[in-house]
Amino acid sequence: MNTDQKKDPNGFDAVSDRESAVDINTDDNVAGTHNLNQELEEDDLIEKLNAGLQEQKDKYLRLLAEFDNYKRRSSRERVELSQTAGKEIIVSLLDVLDDCDRAENQLQLEKSDRDLSGVLLVFNKLRNILQSRGLKVMDSLHSEFDVEKQEAISEVPAPSPDLRGKVVAEVMKGYYLNDKIIRFAKVIVGK
């Protein structure tokens, strides 16, 4: 009798320890066994790949949305910057424009024989240049008093009942620069 073969208590030959270590379920060629482990691993791998793909799609969409927001924001900032680029210069010229308005009113009151068309031409040219840069005069006279646009420096009795709560006189004009207030109108309100 071979030493590798031993009899078990039922009389069958016992398989050596070396041969018992072989697992028959791992053999693909054994009849009746289908490699279930490999199918499960493939399904797990497909699920992992799909989850990873979905995660990458989500990251891509978020990054794309963030980039679109950046483009819109930078475009809007560029437009605002170009519209208000000369704001400081225009604000400093408002006092000169006020002086021009006062001078023009005074010249019209004097009614002298002098030809003042040249001076008026310069005043109008200044107004037109500032208007082409986006400057607009705020219409305040005889309108409802608006705290958001006007600054009341005084209240006087209204000359007529329909002017109560409205602007009676304008001491200093208010101005818009591209639809943004750059100077509030200083007004007198009727009460």
N, C-alpha and C. Protein backbone atom coordinates (compact mmCIF):
# COMPACT_ATOMS: atom_id res chain seq x y z
N MET A 1 0.84 -1.17 0.00
CA MET A 1 0.00 0.00 0.00
C MET A 1 0.87 1.22 0.00
N ASN A 2 0.47 2.16 -0.74
CA ASN A 2 1.21 3.41 -0.89
C ASN A 2 0.98 4.22 0.37
N THR A 3 2.00 4.98 0.79
CA THR A 3 1.86 5.77 2.01
C THR A 3 0.99 6.99 1.80
N ASP A 4 0.88 7.37 0.51
CA ASP A 4 0.03 8.53 0.24
C ASP A 4 -1.44 8.16 0.37
N GLN A 5 -1.76 6.91 0.13
CA GLN A 5 -3.16 6.49 0.18
C GLN A 5 -3.43 5.85 1.52
N LYS A 6 -4.37 6.30 2.20
CA LYS A 6 -4.78 5.75 3.49
C LYS A 6 -6.25 5.43 3.40
N LYS A 7 -6.64 4.51 4.19
CA LYS A 7 -8.04 4.11 4.18
C LYS A 7 -8.76 4.88 5.26
N ASP A 8 -9.92 5.34 4.91
CA ASP A 8 -10.73 5.97 5.93
C ASP A 8 -11.54 4.90 6.65
N PRO A 9 -12.25 5.20 7.68
CA PRO A 9 -12.95 4.17 8.43
C PRO A 9 -14.01 3.42 7.61
N ASN A 10 -14.51 3.97 6.52
CA ASN A 10 -15.50 3.29 5.69
C ASN A 10 -14.86 2.39 4.67
N GLY A 11 -13.56 2.43 4.55
CA GLY A 11 -12.86 1.57 3.64
C GLY A 11 -12.50 2.23 2.33
N PHE A 12 -12.78 3.50 2.18
CA PHE A 12 -12.41 4.20 0.96
C PHE A 12 -11.03 4.77 1.12
N ASP A 13 -10.40 4.96 -0.03
CA ASP A 13 -9.07 5.55 0.01
C ASP A 13 -9.20 7.03 0.33
N ALA A 14 -8.45 7.49 1.27
CA ALA A 14 -8.45 8.90 1.62
C ALA A 14 -7.51 9.64 0.69
N VAL A 15 -7.89 10.78 0.29
CA VAL A 15 -7.08 11.59 -0.61
C VAL A 15 -6.02 12.27 0.23
N SER A 16 -4.83 12.39 -0.32
CA SER A 16 -3.75 13.02 0.44
C SER A 16 -4.06 14.49 0.67
N ASP A 17 -3.35 15.05 1.63
CA ASP A 17 -3.56 16.44 1.97
C ASP A 17 -3.28 17.36 0.79
N ARG A 18 -2.34 16.99 -0.05
CA ARG A 18 -1.98 17.80 -1.21
C ARG A 18 -3.13 17.88 -2.19
N GLU A 19 -3.83 16.83 -2.43
CA GLU A 19 -4.91 16.81 -3.39
C GLU A 19 -6.17 17.44 -2.82
N SER A 20 -6.36 17.42 -1.52
CA SER A 20 -7.57 17.98 -0.93
C SER A 20 -7.58 19.50 -0.96
N ALA A 21 -6.43 20.10 -1.20
CA ALA A 21 -6.35 21.55 -1.26
C ALA A 21 -6.94 22.11 -2.54
N VAL A 22 -7.23 21.32 -3.56
CA VAL A 22 -7.77 21.77 -4.83
C VAL A 22 -9.28 21.99 -4.66
N ASP A 23 -9.74 23.17 -5.05
CA ASP A 23 -11.16 23.50 -4.94
C ASP A 23 -11.78 23.27 -6.31
N ILE A 24 -12.74 22.38 -6.39
CA ILE A 24 -13.32 22.03 -7.68
C ILE A 24 -14.24 23.12 -8.21
N ASN A 25 -14.70 24.04 -7.37
CA ASN A 25 -15.60 25.10 -7.81
C ASN A 25 -14.87 26.17 -8.61
N THR A 26 -13.58 26.20 -8.57
CA THR A 26 -12.85 27.21 -9.30
C THR A 26 -12.54 26.79 -10.72
N ASP A 27 -12.80 25.56 -11.06
CA ASP A 27 -12.50 25.07 -12.40
C ASP A 27 -13.67 25.42 -13.32
N ASP A 28 -13.40 26.16 -14.36
CA ASP A 28 -14.45 26.57 -15.29
C ASP A 28 -14.95 25.41 -16.14
N ASN A 29 -14.15 24.39 -16.27
CA ASN A 29 -14.49 23.29 -17.16
C ASN A 29 -15.30 22.20 -16.48
N VAL A 30 -15.51 22.30 -15.19
CA VAL A 30 -16.26 21.29 -14.47
C VAL A 30 -17.73 21.46 -14.83
N ALA A 31 -18.36 20.34 -15.21
CA ALA A 31 -19.76 20.37 -15.63
C ALA A 31 -20.65 20.75 -14.46
N GLY A 32 -21.68 21.60 -14.74
CA GLY A 32 -22.65 21.97 -13.72
C GLY A 32 -22.25 23.19 -12.91
N THR A 33 -21.09 23.70 -13.14
CA THR A 33 -20.71 24.91 -12.43
C THR A 33 -20.63 26.04 -13.43
N HIS A 34 -21.23 27.07 -13.10
CA HIS A 34 -21.19 28.29 -13.93
C HIS A 34 -20.45 29.31 -13.10
N ASN A 35 -19.62 30.08 -13.68
CA ASN A 35 -18.78 30.98 -12.92
C ASN A 35 -19.62 32.17 -12.43
N LEU A 36 -20.32 31.99 -11.33
CA LEU A 36 -21.18 33.02 -10.76
C LEU A 36 -20.37 34.14 -10.16
N ASN A 37 -19.26 33.84 -9.60
CA ASN A 37 -18.41 34.86 -8.97
C ASN A 37 -17.98 35.89 -10.01
N GLN A 38 -17.63 35.44 -11.20
CA GLN A 38 -17.15 36.35 -12.24
C GLN A 38 -18.28 37.28 -12.70
N GLU A 39 -19.52 36.79 -12.81
CA GLU A 39 -20.65 37.62 -13.20
C GLU A 39 -20.91 38.69 -12.14
N LEU A 40 -20.84 38.30 -10.87
CA LEU A 40 -21.05 39.27 -9.80
C LEU A 40 -19.97 40.34 -9.82
N GLU A 41 -18.76 39.95 -10.06
CA GLU A 41 -17.67 40.91 -10.13
C GLU A 41 -17.84 41.85 -11.32
N GLU A 42 -18.31 41.33 -12.45
CA GLU A 42 -18.54 42.19 -13.62
C GLU A 42 -19.67 43.18 -13.35
N ASP A 43 -20.75 42.71 -12.69
CA ASP A 43 -21.86 43.61 -12.35
C ASP A 43 -21.40 44.70 -11.38
N ASP A 44 -20.60 44.32 -10.37
CA ASP A 44 -20.07 45.31 -9.44
C ASP A 44 -19.18 46.31 -10.16
N LEU A 45 -18.37 45.81 -11.08
CA LEU A 45 -17.47 46.68 -11.83
C LEU A 45 -18.26 47.66 -12.70
N ILE A 46 -19.33 47.17 -13.34
CA ILE A 46 -20.18 48.03 -14.19
C ILE A 46 -20.85 49.10 -13.33
N GLU A 47 -21.35 48.71 -12.14
CA GLU A 47 -21.98 49.68 -11.25
C GLU A 47 -20.99 50.74 -10.79
N LYS A 48 -19.79 50.31 -10.45
CA LYS A 48 -18.76 51.26 -10.03
C LYS A 48 -18.40 52.21 -11.16
N LEU A 49 -18.27 51.66 -12.37
CA LEU A 49 -17.94 52.51 -13.52
C LEU A 49 -19.06 53.50 -13.82
N ASN A 50 -20.31 53.04 -13.73
CA ASN A 50 -21.45 53.94 -13.96
C ASN A 50 -21.51 55.03 -12.89
N ALA A 51 -21.25 54.65 -11.64
CA ALA A 51 -21.25 55.65 -10.56
C ALA A 51 -20.13 56.66 -10.78
N GLY A 52 -18.95 56.18 -11.17
CA GLY A 52 -17.84 57.09 -11.44
C GLY A 52 -18.13 58.01 -12.62
N LEU A 53 -18.75 57.45 -13.65
CA LEU A 53 -19.12 58.25 -14.83
C LEU A 53 -20.14 59.33 -14.45
N GLN A 54 -21.12 58.95 -13.65
CA GLN A 54 -22.13 59.91 -13.22
C GLN A 54 -21.49 61.02 -12.39
N GLU A 55 -20.57 60.66 -11.52
CA GLU A 55 -19.87 61.64 -10.70
C GLU A 55 -19.06 62.60 -11.56
N GLN A 56 -18.40 62.08 -12.58
CA GLN A 56 -17.62 62.93 -13.48
C GLN A 56 -18.53 63.85 -14.30
N LYS A 57 -19.68 63.32 -14.74
CA LYS A 57 -20.64 64.16 -15.47
C LYS A 57 -21.13 65.31 -14.58
N ASP A 58 -21.42 64.99 -13.31
CA ASP A 58 -21.89 66.01 -12.37
C ASP A 58 -20.82 67.07 -12.16
N LYS A 59 -19.57 66.65 -11.97
CA LYS A 59 -18.48 67.61 -11.81
C LYS A 59 -18.34 68.48 -13.06
N TYR A 60 -18.45 67.87 -14.22
CA TYR A 60 -18.33 68.62 -15.48
C TYR A 60 -19.44 69.65 -15.62
N LEU A 61 -20.67 69.25 -15.31
CA LEU A 61 -21.79 70.19 -15.42
C LEU A 61 -21.65 71.34 -14.43
N ARG A 62 -21.21 71.06 -13.23
CA ARG A 62 -21.00 72.12 -12.24
C ARG A 62 -19.89 73.07 -12.70
N LEU A 63 -18.83 72.51 -13.22
CA LEU A 63 -17.72 73.34 -13.70
C LEU A 63 -18.16 74.19 -14.88
N LEU A 64 -18.96 73.61 -15.78
CA LEU A 64 -19.47 74.35 -16.93
C LEU A 64 -20.39 75.49 -16.47
N ALA A 65 -21.25 75.21 -15.51
CA ALA A 65 -22.16 76.25 -14.99
C ALA A 65 -21.36 77.35 -14.29
N GLU A 66 -20.35 76.97 -13.55
CA GLU A 66 -19.52 77.96 -12.87
C GLU A 66 -18.78 78.84 -13.88
N PHE A 67 -18.30 78.24 -14.95
CA PHE A 67 -17.61 79.01 -15.99
C PHE A 67 -18.57 79.96 -16.70
N ASP A 68 -19.80 79.50 -16.98
CA ASP A 68 -20.80 80.39 -17.60
C ASP A 68 -21.12 81.57 -16.68
N ASN A 69 -21.25 81.30 -15.38
CA ASN A 69 -21.50 82.39 -14.42
C ASN A 69 -20.33 83.36 -14.41
N TYR A 70 -19.12 82.85 -14.46
CA TYR A 70 -17.94 83.72 -14.49
C TYR A 70 -17.94 84.59 -15.74
N LYS A 71 -18.25 84.00 -16.90
CA LYS A 71 -18.28 84.79 -18.14
C LYS A 71 -19.32 85.89 -18.07
N ARG A 72 -20.52 85.56 -17.57
CA ARG A 72 -21.57 86.57 -17.46
C ARG A 72 -21.18 87.67 -16.49
N ARG A 73 -20.64 87.28 -15.34
CA ARG A 73 -20.25 88.26 -14.33
C ARG A 73 -19.14 89.17 -14.85
N SER A 74 -18.13 88.60 -15.50
CA SER A 74 -17.04 89.44 -16.00
C SER A 74 -17.52 90.33 -17.14
N SER A 75 -18.43 89.84 -17.97
CA SER A 75 -18.99 90.66 -19.04
C SER A 75 -19.79 91.83 -18.46
N ARG A 76 -20.60 91.54 -17.44
CA ARG A 76 -21.40 92.59 -16.79
C ARG A 76 -20.48 93.62 -16.13
N GLU A 77 -19.42 93.15 -15.46
CA GLU A 77 -18.48 94.08 -14.82
C GLU A 77 -17.77 94.93 -15.84
N ARG A 78 -17.43 94.35 -16.99
CA ARG A 78 -16.76 95.11 -18.04
C ARG A 78 -17.68 96.19 -18.59
N VAL A 79 -18.96 95.86 -18.78
CA VAL A 79 -19.92 96.85 -19.28
C VAL A 79 -20.10 97.97 -18.26
N GLU A 80 -20.24 97.60 -16.97
CA GLU A 80 -20.41 98.61 -15.93
C GLU A 80 -19.18 99.50 -15.83
N LEU A 81 -18.01 98.91 -15.98
CA LEU A 81 -16.78 99.69 -15.91
C LEU A 81 -16.69 100.67 -17.07
N SER A 82 -17.06 100.21 -18.26
CA SER A 82 -17.00 101.13 -19.41
C SER A 82 -18.05 102.24 -19.30
N GLN A 83 -19.19 101.92 -18.68
CA GLN A 83 -20.23 102.94 -18.54
C GLN A 83 -19.88 103.98 -17.49
N THR A 84 -19.18 103.57 -16.46
CA THR A 84 -18.86 104.51 -15.38
C THR A 84 -17.38 104.87 -15.35
N ALA A 85 -16.68 104.65 -16.45
CA ALA A 85 -15.24 104.91 -16.49
C ALA A 85 -14.94 106.39 -16.24
N GLY A 86 -15.73 107.26 -16.79
CA GLY A 86 -15.49 108.69 -16.63
C GLY A 86 -16.31 109.32 -15.53
N LYS A 87 -16.83 108.52 -14.62
CA LYS A 87 -17.73 109.03 -13.58
C LYS A 87 -17.09 110.14 -12.75
N GLU A 88 -15.87 109.95 -12.34
CA GLU A 88 -15.22 110.94 -11.48
C GLU A 88 -15.06 112.27 -12.21
N ILE A 89 -14.69 112.20 -13.47
CA ILE A 89 -14.52 113.44 -14.25
C ILE A 89 -15.87 114.12 -14.46
N ILE A 90 -16.87 113.33 -14.78
CA ILE A 90 -18.21 113.90 -15.02
C ILE A 90 -18.76 114.52 -13.74
N VAL A 91 -18.57 113.85 -12.60
CA VAL A 91 -19.04 114.40 -11.33
C VAL A 91 -18.35 115.73 -11.04
N SER A 92 -17.06 115.80 -11.33
CA SER A 92 -16.35 117.07 -11.10
C SER A 92 -16.80 118.16 -12.07
N LEU A 93 -17.30 117.79 -13.24
CA LEU A 93 -17.79 118.77 -14.20
C LEU A 93 -19.22 119.24 -13.91
N LEU A 94 -19.91 118.58 -13.00
CA LEU A 94 -21.28 118.98 -12.68
C LEU A 94 -21.33 120.39 -12.10
N ASP A 95 -20.35 120.75 -11.31
CA ASP A 95 -20.31 122.12 -10.78
C ASP A 95 -20.13 123.13 -11.91
N VAL A 96 -19.32 122.79 -12.88
CA VAL A 96 -19.13 123.68 -14.04
C VAL A 96 -20.43 123.78 -14.83
N LEU A 97 -21.12 122.67 -14.97
CA LEU A 97 -22.40 122.67 -15.68
C LEU A 97 -23.43 123.52 -14.94
N ASP A 98 -23.43 123.45 -13.61
CA ASP A 98 -24.33 124.31 -12.81
C ASP A 98 -23.99 125.78 -13.03
N ASP A 99 -22.72 126.10 -13.07
CA ASP A 99 -22.31 127.49 -13.32
C ASP A 99 -22.75 127.94 -14.70
N CYS A 100 -22.66 127.05 -15.68
CA CYS A 100 -23.11 127.39 -17.03
C CYS A 100 -24.61 127.68 -17.05
N ASP A 101 -25.38 126.86 -16.34
CA ASP A 101 -26.83 127.09 -16.27
C ASP A 101 -27.16 128.43 -15.61
N ARG A 102 -26.46 128.74 -14.52
CA ARG A 102 -26.69 130.02 -13.85
C ARG A 102 -26.30 131.19 -14.76
N ALA A 103 -25.18 131.07 -15.45
CA ALA A 103 -24.73 132.14 -16.35
C ALA A 103 -25.72 132.32 -17.50
N GLU A 104 -26.21 131.22 -18.03
CA GLU A 104 -27.18 131.32 -19.13
C GLU A 104 -28.47 131.99 -18.65
N ASN A 105 -28.95 131.64 -17.48
CA ASN A 105 -30.15 132.28 -16.92
C ASN A 105 -29.92 133.77 -16.71
N GLN A 106 -28.76 134.12 -16.21
CA GLN A 106 -28.44 135.54 -15.98
C GLN A 106 -28.36 136.30 -17.31
N LEU A 107 -27.75 135.69 -18.31
CA LEU A 107 -27.63 136.35 -19.62
C LEU A 107 -29.00 136.56 -20.26
N GLN A 108 -29.91 135.64 -20.05
CA GLN A 108 -31.25 135.79 -20.62
C GLN A 108 -32.06 136.86 -19.88
N LEU A 109 -31.76 137.04 -18.61
CA LEU A 109 -32.46 138.07 -17.84
C LEU A 109 -31.99 139.48 -18.20
N GLU A 110 -30.71 139.62 -18.55
CA GLU A 110 -30.16 140.94 -18.84
C GLU A 110 -30.68 141.52 -20.16
N LYS A 111 -30.90 140.71 -21.13
CA LYS A 111 -31.41 141.17 -22.44
C LYS A 111 -30.56 142.30 -23.00
N SER A 112 -29.29 142.12 -23.00
CA SER A 112 -28.41 143.18 -23.52
C SER A 112 -28.31 143.08 -25.04
N ASP A 113 -27.67 144.09 -25.62
CA ASP A 113 -27.51 144.14 -27.07
C ASP A 113 -26.33 143.29 -27.54
N ARG A 114 -25.55 142.77 -26.64
CA ARG A 114 -24.38 141.98 -27.03
C ARG A 114 -24.83 140.65 -27.65
N ASP A 115 -23.99 140.20 -28.57
CA ASP A 115 -24.25 138.90 -29.19
C ASP A 115 -23.64 137.82 -28.30
N LEU A 116 -24.49 137.03 -27.71
CA LEU A 116 -24.05 136.00 -26.77
C LEU A 116 -24.17 134.58 -27.35
N SER A 117 -24.36 134.50 -28.65
CA SER A 117 -24.56 133.19 -29.26
C SER A 117 -23.33 132.29 -29.10
N GLY A 118 -22.13 132.87 -29.10
CA GLY A 118 -20.90 132.08 -28.93
C GLY A 118 -20.83 131.43 -27.55
N VAL A 119 -21.20 132.21 -26.52
CA VAL A 119 -21.17 131.69 -25.15
C VAL A 119 -22.21 130.59 -25.00
N LEU A 120 -23.40 130.82 -25.53
CA LEU A 120 -24.46 129.82 -25.44
C LEU A 120 -24.10 128.56 -26.22
N LEU A 121 -23.38 128.74 -27.32
CA LEU A 121 -22.92 127.61 -28.12
C LEU A 121 -21.95 126.73 -27.31
N VAL A 122 -21.05 127.36 -26.56
CA VAL A 122 -20.11 126.62 -25.72
C VAL A 122 -20.86 125.87 -24.61
N PHE A 123 -21.84 126.52 -24.00
CA PHE A 123 -22.61 125.88 -22.94
C PHE A 123 -23.34 124.65 -23.49
N ASN A 124 -23.97 124.81 -24.65
CA ASN A 124 -24.71 123.69 -25.26
C ASN A 124 -23.77 122.56 -25.67
N LYS A 125 -22.59 122.92 -26.14
CA LYS A 125 -21.63 121.90 -26.54
C LYS A 125 -21.20 121.07 -25.32
N LEU A 126 -20.96 121.72 -24.20
CA LEU A 126 -20.61 121.02 -22.97
C LEU A 126 -21.74 120.07 -22.55
N ARG A 127 -22.98 120.56 -22.59
CA ARG A 127 -24.13 119.71 -22.24
C ARG A 127 -24.24 118.50 -23.16
N ASN A 128 -24.06 118.72 -24.47
CA ASN A 128 -24.18 117.63 -25.44
C ASN A 128 -23.09 116.58 -25.25
N ILE A 129 -21.88 117.01 -24.96
CA ILE A 129 -20.78 116.06 -24.74
C ILE A 129 -21.07 115.21 -23.51
N LEU A 130 -21.52 115.84 -22.43
CA LEU A 130 -21.82 115.08 -21.22
C LEU A 130 -23.02 114.14 -21.42
N GLN A 131 -24.00 114.58 -22.19
CA GLN A 131 -25.14 113.71 -22.48
C GLN A 131 -24.72 112.51 -23.33
N SER A 132 -23.79 112.71 -24.25
CA SER A 132 -23.32 111.60 -25.07
C SER A 132 -22.55 110.57 -24.24
N ARG A 133 -22.04 110.98 -23.10
CA ARG A 133 -21.33 110.06 -22.18
C ARG A 133 -22.29 109.41 -21.19
N GLY A 134 -23.59 109.67 -21.30
CA GLY A 134 -24.58 109.00 -20.46
C GLY A 134 -25.15 109.85 -19.34
N LEU A 135 -24.87 111.14 -19.32
CA LEU A 135 -25.38 112.02 -18.27
C LEU A 135 -26.81 112.45 -18.62
N LYS A 136 -27.70 112.34 -17.64
CA LYS A 136 -29.09 112.77 -17.82
C LYS A 136 -29.48 113.63 -16.64
N VAL A 137 -30.27 114.66 -16.93
CA VAL A 137 -30.78 115.55 -15.89
C VAL A 137 -32.00 114.89 -15.26
N MET A 138 -32.08 114.98 -13.95
CA MET A 138 -33.22 114.43 -13.21
C MET A 138 -34.34 115.46 -13.22
N ASP A 139 -35.51 115.07 -13.66
CA ASP A 139 -36.67 115.96 -13.65
C ASP A 139 -37.33 115.90 -12.28
N SER A 140 -37.23 116.98 -11.54
CA SER A 140 -37.75 116.98 -10.17
C SER A 140 -38.89 117.97 -9.97
N LEU A 141 -38.88 119.05 -10.69
CA LEU A 141 -39.82 120.14 -10.48
C LEU A 141 -41.26 119.66 -10.68
N HIS A 142 -42.11 119.96 -9.69
CA HIS A 142 -43.55 119.63 -9.68
C HIS A 142 -43.81 118.12 -9.68
N SER A 143 -42.84 117.32 -9.29
CA SER A 143 -43.06 115.88 -9.16
C SER A 143 -43.18 115.54 -7.67
N GLU A 144 -43.69 114.36 -7.38
CA GLU A 144 -43.80 113.91 -6.00
C GLU A 144 -42.40 113.84 -5.39
N PHE A 145 -42.29 114.24 -4.13
CA PHE A 145 -41.00 114.17 -3.46
C PHE A 145 -40.63 112.70 -3.25
N ASP A 146 -39.43 112.33 -3.68
CA ASP A 146 -38.94 110.95 -3.59
C ASP A 146 -37.62 110.95 -2.82
N VAL A 147 -37.64 110.33 -1.67
CA VAL A 147 -36.45 110.30 -0.81
C VAL A 147 -35.29 109.57 -1.49
N GLU A 148 -35.58 108.64 -2.38
CA GLU A 148 -34.55 107.87 -3.07
C GLU A 148 -33.79 108.70 -4.10
N LYS A 149 -34.41 109.80 -4.56
CA LYS A 149 -33.80 110.59 -5.63
C LYS A 149 -33.49 112.03 -5.23
N GLN A 150 -34.19 112.52 -4.22
CA GLN A 150 -34.10 113.94 -3.90
C GLN A 150 -33.77 114.16 -2.43
N GLU A 151 -33.16 115.30 -2.20
CA GLU A 151 -32.82 115.70 -0.84
C GLU A 151 -33.56 117.00 -0.55
N ALA A 152 -34.44 116.96 0.45
CA ALA A 152 -35.21 118.16 0.79
C ALA A 152 -34.37 119.04 1.71
N ILE A 153 -34.17 120.27 1.27
CA ILE A 153 -33.40 121.19 2.11
C ILE A 153 -34.32 122.15 2.87
N SER A 154 -35.58 122.22 2.43
CA SER A 154 -36.53 123.11 3.10
C SER A 154 -37.94 122.72 2.73
N GLU A 155 -38.88 123.15 3.59
CA GLU A 155 -40.30 123.00 3.29
C GLU A 155 -40.94 124.38 3.37
N VAL A 156 -41.77 124.66 2.41
CA VAL A 156 -42.48 125.94 2.38
C VAL A 156 -43.96 125.65 2.18
N PRO A 157 -44.78 126.59 2.55
CA PRO A 157 -46.21 126.40 2.28
C PRO A 157 -46.43 126.28 0.76
N ALA A 158 -47.24 125.32 0.37
CA ALA A 158 -47.48 125.07 -1.05
C ALA A 158 -48.28 126.22 -1.64
N PRO A 159 -47.85 126.73 -2.82
CA PRO A 159 -48.59 127.83 -3.45
C PRO A 159 -50.00 127.42 -3.86
N SER A 160 -50.21 126.13 -4.12
CA SER A 160 -51.55 125.65 -4.46
C SER A 160 -51.72 124.26 -3.82
N PRO A 161 -52.95 123.86 -3.60
CA PRO A 161 -53.20 122.57 -2.92
C PRO A 161 -52.66 121.37 -3.70
N ASP A 162 -52.58 121.47 -5.00
CA ASP A 162 -52.10 120.33 -5.79
C ASP A 162 -50.57 120.14 -5.69
N LEU A 163 -49.86 121.12 -5.10
CA LEU A 163 -48.40 121.02 -4.95
C LEU A 163 -47.98 120.55 -3.56
N ARG A 164 -48.93 120.13 -2.74
CA ARG A 164 -48.57 119.62 -1.41
C ARG A 164 -47.85 118.27 -1.57
N GLY A 165 -46.69 118.16 -0.91
CA GLY A 165 -45.89 116.94 -0.99
C GLY A 165 -45.11 116.83 -2.28
N LYS A 166 -45.14 117.90 -3.07
CA LYS A 166 -44.41 117.89 -4.34
C LYS A 166 -43.28 118.90 -4.29
N VAL A 167 -42.39 118.79 -5.25
CA VAL A 167 -41.24 119.69 -5.33
C VAL A 167 -41.72 121.03 -5.88
N VAL A 168 -41.49 122.10 -5.10
CA VAL A 168 -41.90 123.44 -5.49
C VAL A 168 -40.77 124.14 -6.24
N ALA A 169 -39.54 123.95 -5.76
CA ALA A 169 -38.39 124.59 -6.39
C ALA A 169 -37.19 123.63 -6.35
N GLU A 170 -36.31 123.83 -7.30
CA GLU A 170 -35.11 123.00 -7.40
C GLU A 170 -33.90 123.89 -7.17
N VAL A 171 -33.17 123.65 -6.07
CA VAL A 171 -32.01 124.46 -5.75
C VAL A 171 -30.79 123.96 -6.53
N MET A 172 -30.62 122.65 -6.60
CA MET A 172 -29.52 122.06 -7.35
C MET A 172 -30.05 120.83 -8.09
N LYS A 173 -29.77 120.77 -9.38
CA LYS A 173 -30.28 119.66 -10.19
C LYS A 173 -29.63 118.34 -9.80
N GLY A 174 -30.39 117.29 -9.97
CA GLY A 174 -29.87 115.93 -9.77
C GLY A 174 -29.52 115.34 -11.13
N TYR A 175 -28.59 114.38 -11.12
CA TYR A 175 -28.13 113.80 -12.39
C TYR A 175 -28.02 112.29 -12.28
N TYR A 176 -28.29 111.65 -13.43
CA TYR A 176 -28.07 110.22 -13.61
C TYR A 176 -26.87 110.04 -14.54
N LEU A 177 -26.11 108.99 -14.30
CA LEU A 177 -25.08 108.57 -15.25
C LEU A 177 -25.40 107.13 -15.60
N ASN A 178 -25.87 106.92 -16.83
CA ASN A 178 -26.29 105.59 -17.29
C ASN A 178 -27.29 104.96 -16.32
N ASP A 179 -28.32 105.71 -16.00
CA ASP A 179 -29.44 105.28 -15.15
C ASP A 179 -29.06 105.01 -13.70
N LYS A 180 -27.90 105.48 -13.27
CA LYS A 180 -27.52 105.41 -11.85
C LYS A 180 -27.38 106.84 -11.34
N ILE A 181 -27.91 107.08 -10.17
CA ILE A 181 -27.87 108.43 -9.61
C ILE A 181 -26.44 108.75 -9.19
N ILE A 182 -25.92 109.88 -9.72
CA ILE A 182 -24.59 110.31 -9.29
C ILE A 182 -24.66 111.56 -8.42
N ARG A 183 -25.81 112.25 -8.49
CA ARG A 183 -26.01 113.39 -7.59
C ARG A 183 -27.51 113.54 -7.34
N PHE A 184 -27.86 113.62 -6.06
CA PHE A 184 -29.25 113.81 -5.68
C PHE A 184 -29.65 115.26 -5.91
N ALA A 185 -30.91 115.44 -6.28
CA ALA A 185 -31.42 116.80 -6.47
C ALA A 185 -31.71 117.41 -5.11
N LYS A 186 -31.32 118.67 -4.94
CA LYS A 186 -31.63 119.39 -3.70
C LYS A 186 -32.84 120.27 -4.01
N VAL A 187 -33.91 120.00 -3.27
CA VAL A 187 -35.20 120.61 -3.62
C VAL A 187 -35.86 121.23 -2.40
N ILE A 188 -36.88 122.06 -2.72
CA ILE A 188 -37.75 122.64 -1.69
C ILE A 188 -39.13 122.02 -1.91
N VAL A 189 -39.69 121.50 -0.82
CA VAL A 189 -40.95 120.74 -0.91
C VAL A 189 -42.08 121.59 -0.34
N GLY A 190 -43.22 121.51 -1.00
CA GLY A 190 -44.42 122.22 -0.52
C GLY A 190 -45.14 121.40 0.52
N LYS A 191 -45.61 122.09 1.57
CA LYS A 191 -46.37 121.36 2.61
C LYS A 191 -47.75 121.93 2.79
